[in-house]
Amino acid sequence: MRQLIVFKGIDFEAEFEYQPFEPAERGPEAQYPGCHEYVEEVTSLTHKGSDFLELIYEDNEEEIDSLILRAMRDY
């Protein structure tokens, strides 16, 4: 998937794998506990054609993942 985000005042296009929310099974034979939505893996963070993933993602993973999820909800 791709999503535009603003990180530290700079527009980036994030390319990533996404796991949507899945509800838990219910009932006496329920076996699946469900899962929350999350960004599985960010594969690129581009700005003006240059990829900055290796420079900024590792130290800012949680914030960038949060920005991606928030931008997806606002879209």
Protein backbone atom coordinates (compact mmCIF):
# COMPACT_ATOMS: atom_id res chain seq x y z
CA MET A 1 0.00 0.00 0.00
CA ARG A 2 1.00 3.63 -0.36
CA GLN A 3 0.14 6.60 1.82
CA LEU A 4 1.24 10.22 1.95
CA ILE A 5 2.45 11.32 5.39
CA VAL A 6 4.08 14.43 6.84
CA PHE A 7 7.06 13.60 9.07
CA LYS A 8 8.93 16.46 10.75
CA GLY A 9 7.33 18.91 8.29
CA ILE A 10 8.38 16.98 5.18
CA ASP A 11 5.98 15.18 2.82
CA PHE A 12 6.85 11.53 2.27
CA GLU A 13 5.20 8.78 0.29
CA ALA A 14 5.31 5.65 2.43
CA GLU A 15 5.06 2.23 0.82
CA PHE A 16 4.17 -0.50 3.30
CA GLU A 17 2.43 -3.76 4.15
CA TYR A 18 -0.69 -3.41 6.28
CA GLN A 19 -2.54 -5.79 8.62
CA PRO A 20 -6.15 -4.67 9.13
CA PHE A 21 -8.09 -5.18 12.36
CA GLU A 22 -9.61 -8.63 12.68
CA PRO A 23 -12.21 -9.31 15.39
CA ALA A 24 -11.87 -12.22 17.79
CA GLU A 25 -13.99 -15.27 17.22
CA ARG A 26 -16.84 -15.64 19.68
CA GLY A 27 -18.71 -18.61 21.01
CA PRO A 28 -17.87 -21.88 22.71
CA GLU A 29 -15.58 -23.10 19.90
CA ALA A 30 -13.78 -19.80 19.29
CA GLN A 31 -10.07 -20.25 18.66
CA TYR A 32 -8.89 -17.02 16.98
CA PRO A 33 -8.14 -14.15 19.38
CA GLY A 34 -8.24 -11.50 16.61
CA CYS A 35 -5.63 -8.81 16.06
CA HIS A 36 -5.35 -5.04 16.01
CA GLU A 37 -4.45 -3.10 12.86
CA TYR A 38 -0.78 -2.39 12.33
CA VAL A 39 1.87 -1.58 9.77
CA GLU A 40 3.70 -4.84 9.11
CA GLU A 41 6.66 -3.44 7.20
CA VAL A 42 7.58 -0.11 5.63
CA THR A 43 9.47 -0.75 2.40
CA SER A 44 10.16 2.83 1.27
CA LEU A 45 9.85 6.45 2.40
CA THR A 46 10.33 8.69 -0.61
CA HIS A 47 10.58 12.46 -0.91
CA LYS A 48 11.11 14.08 -4.32
CA GLY A 49 12.14 10.74 -5.81
CA SER A 50 14.72 9.82 -3.15
CA ASP A 51 14.22 7.01 -0.65
CA PHE A 52 15.03 7.96 2.95
CA LEU A 53 13.94 4.70 4.60
CA GLU A 54 17.38 3.61 5.80
CA LEU A 55 18.21 7.09 7.12
CA ILE A 56 15.15 7.78 9.25
CA TYR A 57 12.89 4.77 9.78
CA GLU A 58 14.82 2.69 12.29
CA ASP A 59 15.03 5.45 14.93
CA ASN A 60 11.46 6.66 14.26
CA GLU A 61 9.57 3.44 13.49
CA GLU A 62 6.77 3.86 16.04
CA GLU A 63 6.05 7.49 15.09
CA ILE A 64 6.09 6.81 11.34
CA ASP A 65 3.83 3.75 11.70
CA SER A 66 1.43 5.88 13.73
CA LEU A 67 1.46 8.63 11.10
CA ILE A 68 0.66 6.07 8.39
CA LEU A 69 -2.29 4.62 10.32
CA ARG A 70 -3.63 8.08 11.17
CA ALA A 71 -3.36 9.21 7.54
CA MET A 72 -5.21 6.07 6.41
CA ARG A 73 -8.08 6.81 8.82
CA ASP A 74 -8.24 10.47 7.76
CA TYR A 75 -8.32 9.54 4.07
